Amino acid sequence: MFRFSIALCSLVAAALLIFVSDQVSADGVATLRGEAVLNGQNEAPRMMPFINNDIREARNYPEQPPVIPHKTDGYIVDLNSNKCLSCHARSRTGESQAPMVSITHFMDREGQFRASVSPRRYFCNQCHVSQREVKPLVGNDFVDVDTLLLNRAKQQ
């Protein structure tokens, strides 16, 4: 009797899943993969070009890591070398005219400032990314804190 109950529940669950999946696709719910089929070979999306204009993007919140305004293809950032520091190191900014890495990158985990970039902040691409010229995948209604405070002041 117990096995029969389990088999019956499994059959009902499978039928329900098939019904729900048919309803979802019939409703035309979009996914991030678009019209791509799951069980076939789909064409990869076209790679969009990098934004390569060396213009600093505005940050949306105080601790947001700045985005990289240029390509970093071929940059080696590993234990032995860091291509980013060839322009952004304190000693190289006069020559390169690139912004120096933030002072926070010189702080160790005890809060002490070091003479060189801290090992925990050495791998730049953990936080910083190059931007591509793409449309957002999903809608976004993000409002930065300055706009929120301004709207709140207007309401009062």
Protein backbone atom coordinates (compact mmCIF):
# COMPACT_ATOMS: atom_id res chain seq x y z
CA MET A 1 0.00 0.00 0.00
CA PHE A 2 2.85 2.37 0.91
CA ARG A 3 4.63 1.75 -2.42
CA PHE A 4 1.40 2.35 -4.29
CA SER A 5 0.95 5.71 -2.50
CA ILE A 6 4.48 6.79 -3.40
CA ALA A 7 4.03 5.75 -7.02
CA LEU A 8 0.70 7.60 -7.22
CA CYS A 9 2.19 10.77 -5.68
CA SER A 10 5.12 10.62 -8.10
CA LEU A 11 2.77 10.25 -11.06
CA VAL A 12 0.63 13.19 -9.92
CA ALA A 13 3.74 15.34 -9.34
CA ALA A 14 5.09 14.52 -12.81
CA ALA A 15 1.76 15.36 -14.42
CA LEU A 16 1.60 18.62 -12.49
CA LEU A 17 5.12 19.58 -13.60
CA ILE A 18 4.26 18.89 -17.23
CA PHE A 19 1.08 20.95 -16.90
CA VAL A 20 2.90 23.85 -15.23
CA SER A 21 5.74 23.85 -17.77
CA ASP A 22 3.20 23.88 -20.60
CA GLN A 23 1.45 26.82 -18.94
CA VAL A 24 4.65 28.78 -18.52
CA SER A 25 5.73 28.39 -22.12
CA ALA A 26 2.17 29.04 -23.32
CA ASP A 27 2.14 32.27 -21.31
CA GLY A 28 5.29 33.39 -23.12
CA VAL A 29 7.38 34.01 -20.02
CA ALA A 30 10.72 35.34 -21.23
CA THR A 31 14.02 34.12 -19.85
CA LEU A 32 17.51 35.55 -20.04
CA ARG A 33 18.38 32.95 -22.66
CA GLY A 34 15.59 34.24 -24.95
CA GLU A 35 14.30 31.74 -27.49
CA ALA A 36 17.18 29.30 -26.99
CA VAL A 37 16.13 25.69 -26.61
CA LEU A 38 17.53 23.69 -23.73
CA ASN A 39 18.06 20.42 -25.57
CA GLY A 40 19.71 21.75 -28.72
CA GLN A 41 22.84 23.48 -29.95
CA ASN A 42 22.21 27.22 -29.80
CA GLU A 43 24.19 30.01 -31.38
CA ALA A 44 26.26 31.93 -28.84
CA PRO A 45 25.30 35.58 -28.38
CA ARG A 46 27.52 38.07 -30.17
CA MET A 47 30.26 39.57 -28.01
CA MET A 48 29.69 43.29 -27.72
CA PRO A 49 32.62 45.72 -27.87
CA PHE A 50 34.26 47.06 -24.74
CA ILE A 51 33.67 50.64 -23.72
CA ASN A 52 37.16 51.98 -24.32
CA ASN A 53 36.90 55.72 -23.79
CA ASP A 54 38.91 56.26 -20.58
CA ILE A 55 36.04 58.30 -19.11
CA ARG A 56 35.34 57.58 -15.46
CA GLU A 57 31.82 56.29 -14.81
CA ALA A 58 29.82 57.72 -11.93
CA ARG A 59 29.46 55.41 -8.95
CA ASN A 60 26.02 54.53 -7.63
CA TYR A 61 26.97 54.04 -3.97
CA PRO A 62 29.95 55.03 -1.80
CA GLU A 63 31.83 51.72 -1.67
CA GLN A 64 31.19 50.69 -5.29
CA PRO A 65 34.40 49.60 -7.01
CA PRO A 66 34.94 51.76 -10.09
CA VAL A 67 34.58 50.03 -13.44
CA ILE A 68 37.55 49.81 -15.78
CA PRO A 69 37.06 52.24 -18.71
CA HIS A 70 39.29 50.29 -21.10
CA LYS A 71 39.98 46.78 -22.37
CA THR A 72 41.99 44.44 -20.18
CA ASP A 73 42.29 41.52 -22.61
CA GLY A 74 45.69 39.93 -22.19
CA TYR A 75 46.40 41.62 -18.85
CA ILE A 76 48.19 39.22 -16.56
CA VAL A 77 47.23 39.50 -12.91
CA ASP A 78 48.73 36.63 -10.98
CA LEU A 79 51.01 35.96 -8.05
CA ASN A 80 54.10 37.11 -9.97
CA SER A 81 52.85 40.16 -11.86
CA ASN A 82 50.03 42.68 -12.08
CA LYS A 83 49.69 44.52 -15.40
CA CYS A 84 47.26 47.03 -13.84
CA LEU A 85 50.00 48.36 -11.57
CA SER A 86 52.18 49.25 -14.56
CA CYS A 87 49.93 52.34 -14.91
CA HIS A 88 48.00 52.63 -11.62
CA ALA A 89 50.83 52.14 -9.10
CA ARG A 90 51.71 55.21 -7.05
CA SER A 91 55.11 55.45 -8.75
CA ARG A 92 53.68 55.25 -12.30
CA THR A 93 50.70 57.65 -12.28
CA GLY A 94 52.75 60.72 -13.19
CA GLU A 95 53.97 59.06 -16.36
CA SER A 96 50.73 57.24 -17.29
CA GLN A 97 48.24 59.89 -16.10
CA ALA A 98 46.08 57.00 -14.81
CA PRO A 99 44.43 57.37 -11.41
CA MET A 100 46.37 55.83 -8.55
CA VAL A 101 44.81 52.82 -6.85
CA SER A 102 42.72 53.82 -3.85
CA ILE A 103 44.43 54.31 -0.51
CA THR A 104 42.24 51.45 0.79
CA HIS A 105 44.30 49.07 -1.38
CA PHE A 106 47.36 49.78 0.78
CA MET A 107 45.65 48.72 4.04
CA ASP A 108 46.30 45.27 5.49
CA ARG A 109 43.74 43.26 7.43
CA GLU A 110 44.84 44.82 10.73
CA GLY A 111 44.08 48.30 9.36
CA GLN A 112 47.74 49.28 9.00
CA PHE A 113 48.85 51.07 5.85
CA ARG A 114 51.62 49.43 3.87
CA ALA A 115 54.12 50.95 1.42
CA SER A 116 52.83 48.76 -1.41
CA VAL A 117 49.47 47.32 -2.42
CA SER A 118 48.16 44.84 0.14
CA PRO A 119 48.08 41.21 -0.99
CA ARG A 120 44.35 41.06 -0.27
CA ARG A 121 43.74 43.89 -2.76
CA TYR A 122 46.30 42.78 -5.36
CA PHE A 123 43.96 40.89 -7.72
CA CYS A 124 42.14 43.82 -9.33
CA ASN A 125 39.65 41.84 -11.38
CA GLN A 126 38.05 40.42 -8.23
CA CYS A 127 36.15 43.71 -7.90
CA HIS A 128 36.82 45.79 -11.01
CA VAL A 129 35.43 44.87 -14.43
CA SER A 130 35.66 46.29 -17.93
CA GLN A 131 32.33 47.48 -19.27
CA ARG A 132 30.81 46.38 -22.55
CA GLU A 133 28.33 48.28 -24.72
CA VAL A 134 25.25 46.15 -23.99
CA LYS A 135 21.60 46.65 -23.20
CA PRO A 136 20.65 45.53 -19.69
CA LEU A 137 19.34 41.95 -19.55
CA VAL A 138 16.59 42.93 -17.12
CA GLY A 139 14.91 46.16 -16.16
CA ASN A 140 16.40 48.14 -13.32
CA ASP A 141 14.79 50.79 -11.16
CA PHE A 142 17.85 51.43 -8.97
CA VAL A 143 17.99 54.93 -7.51
CA ASP A 144 21.20 56.16 -5.90
CA VAL A 145 21.23 57.45 -2.34
CA ASP A 146 21.60 61.12 -3.36
CA THR A 147 18.42 60.94 -5.44
CA LEU A 148 16.59 59.18 -2.59
CA LEU A 149 17.59 61.88 -0.11
CA LEU A 150 16.61 64.63 -2.55
CA ASN A 151 13.19 63.06 -3.17
CA ARG A 152 12.66 62.62 0.56
CA ALA A 153 13.52 66.28 1.22
CA LYS A 154 11.01 67.37 -1.47
CA GLN A 155 8.26 65.29 0.12
CA GLN A 156 8.71 66.88 3.55
